[in-house]
Amino acid sequence: MANLLQPNAPLAPVLAVSPPRRRAARIIAPAVTGTATR
């Protein structure tokens, strides 16, 4: 998963700061993967 966050540097701190990391990761993860795939 670290590889997917590398291109999206701005999202990394957001995920780390947000308390509900699991919830945010669940919603952002698919979006990040879709962006990374594209």
N, C-alpha and C. Protein backbone atom coordinates (compact mmCIF):
# COMPACT_ATOMS: atom_id res chain seq x y z
N MET A 1 0.85 -1.20 0.00
CA MET A 1 0.00 0.00 0.00
C MET A 1 0.88 1.25 0.00
N ALA A 2 2.05 1.15 0.55
CA ALA A 2 2.96 2.30 0.59
C ALA A 2 3.27 2.77 -0.83
N ASN A 3 3.38 1.80 -1.75
CA ASN A 3 3.69 2.15 -3.13
C ASN A 3 2.57 3.01 -3.73
N LEU A 4 1.33 2.71 -3.36
CA LEU A 4 0.20 3.46 -3.91
C LEU A 4 0.17 4.88 -3.36
N LEU A 5 0.63 5.05 -2.13
CA LEU A 5 0.59 6.38 -1.52
C LEU A 5 1.76 7.26 -1.96
N GLN A 6 2.81 6.64 -2.45
CA GLN A 6 3.98 7.43 -2.87
C GLN A 6 3.61 8.52 -3.88
N PRO A 7 2.93 8.18 -4.97
CA PRO A 7 2.57 9.22 -5.95
C PRO A 7 1.60 10.24 -5.37
N ASN A 8 0.84 9.81 -4.35
CA ASN A 8 -0.14 10.72 -3.73
C ASN A 8 0.40 11.21 -2.38
N ALA A 9 1.51 11.91 -2.41
CA ALA A 9 2.15 12.39 -1.18
C ALA A 9 1.17 13.20 -0.31
N PRO A 10 0.38 14.12 -0.88
CA PRO A 10 -0.51 14.95 -0.06
C PRO A 10 -1.52 14.11 0.73
N LEU A 11 -1.86 12.92 0.24
CA LEU A 11 -2.85 12.10 0.94
C LEU A 11 -2.22 11.37 2.13
N ALA A 12 -0.93 11.11 2.06
CA ALA A 12 -0.26 10.36 3.14
C ALA A 12 -0.45 11.06 4.50
N PRO A 13 -0.09 12.35 4.63
CA PRO A 13 -0.25 13.05 5.91
C PRO A 13 -1.71 13.12 6.35
N VAL A 14 -2.60 13.24 5.40
CA VAL A 14 -4.03 13.32 5.74
C VAL A 14 -4.48 12.03 6.41
N LEU A 15 -4.04 10.89 5.85
CA LEU A 15 -4.42 9.60 6.43
C LEU A 15 -3.80 9.43 7.81
N ALA A 16 -2.56 9.88 7.96
CA ALA A 16 -1.87 9.73 9.23
C ALA A 16 -2.48 10.63 10.31
N VAL A 17 -2.94 11.81 9.92
CA VAL A 17 -3.49 12.76 10.88
C VAL A 17 -4.92 12.39 11.29
N SER A 18 -5.74 11.97 10.33
CA SER A 18 -7.13 11.66 10.64
C SER A 18 -7.23 10.52 11.65
N PRO A 19 -7.98 10.73 12.74
CA PRO A 19 -8.15 9.68 13.77
C PRO A 19 -8.78 8.42 13.19
N PRO A 20 -9.92 8.53 12.50
CA PRO A 20 -10.55 7.33 11.91
C PRO A 20 -9.77 6.85 10.70
N ARG A 21 -8.53 6.41 10.92
CA ARG A 21 -7.67 6.02 9.81
C ARG A 21 -8.31 4.89 9.00
N ARG A 22 -8.85 3.91 9.69
CA ARG A 22 -9.45 2.77 8.97
C ARG A 22 -10.58 3.24 8.07
N ARG A 23 -11.43 4.08 8.61
CA ARG A 23 -12.58 4.56 7.83
C ARG A 23 -12.08 5.36 6.62
N ALA A 24 -11.16 6.29 6.86
CA ALA A 24 -10.63 7.13 5.78
C ALA A 24 -9.90 6.26 4.76
N ALA A 25 -9.10 5.32 5.26
CA ALA A 25 -8.34 4.45 4.35
C ALA A 25 -9.30 3.65 3.49
N ARG A 26 -10.38 3.17 4.08
CA ARG A 26 -11.34 2.36 3.33
C ARG A 26 -11.96 3.19 2.19
N ILE A 27 -12.21 4.46 2.45
CA ILE A 27 -12.84 5.32 1.43
C ILE A 27 -11.81 5.84 0.44
N ILE A 28 -10.63 6.20 0.94
CA ILE A 28 -9.60 6.78 0.07
C ILE A 28 -8.82 5.71 -0.69
N ALA A 29 -8.60 4.55 -0.05
CA ALA A 29 -7.81 3.47 -0.68
C ALA A 29 -8.30 3.18 -2.10
N PRO A 30 -9.58 2.88 -2.30
CA PRO A 30 -10.08 2.60 -3.66
C PRO A 30 -9.86 3.77 -4.60
N ALA A 31 -10.03 4.98 -4.10
CA ALA A 31 -9.83 6.16 -4.94
C ALA A 31 -8.36 6.28 -5.33
N VAL A 32 -7.48 6.00 -4.38
CA VAL A 32 -6.04 6.09 -4.65
C VAL A 32 -5.63 5.02 -5.66
N THR A 33 -6.12 3.81 -5.47
CA THR A 33 -5.78 2.71 -6.39
C THR A 33 -6.28 3.06 -7.79
N GLY A 34 -7.49 3.60 -7.86
CA GLY A 34 -8.04 3.97 -9.17
C GLY A 34 -7.18 5.05 -9.82
N THR A 35 -6.76 6.03 -9.04
CA THR A 35 -5.92 7.11 -9.57
C THR A 35 -4.56 6.56 -9.99
N ALA A 36 -4.01 5.68 -9.15
CA ALA A 36 -2.68 5.13 -9.45
C ALA A 36 -2.74 4.26 -10.70
N THR A 37 -3.85 3.50 -10.83
CA THR A 37 -3.98 2.62 -12.00
C THR A 37 -4.09 3.45 -13.27
N ARG A 38 -4.84 4.54 -13.18
CA ARG A 38 -5.01 5.39 -14.37
C ARG A 38 -3.69 6.06 -14.69
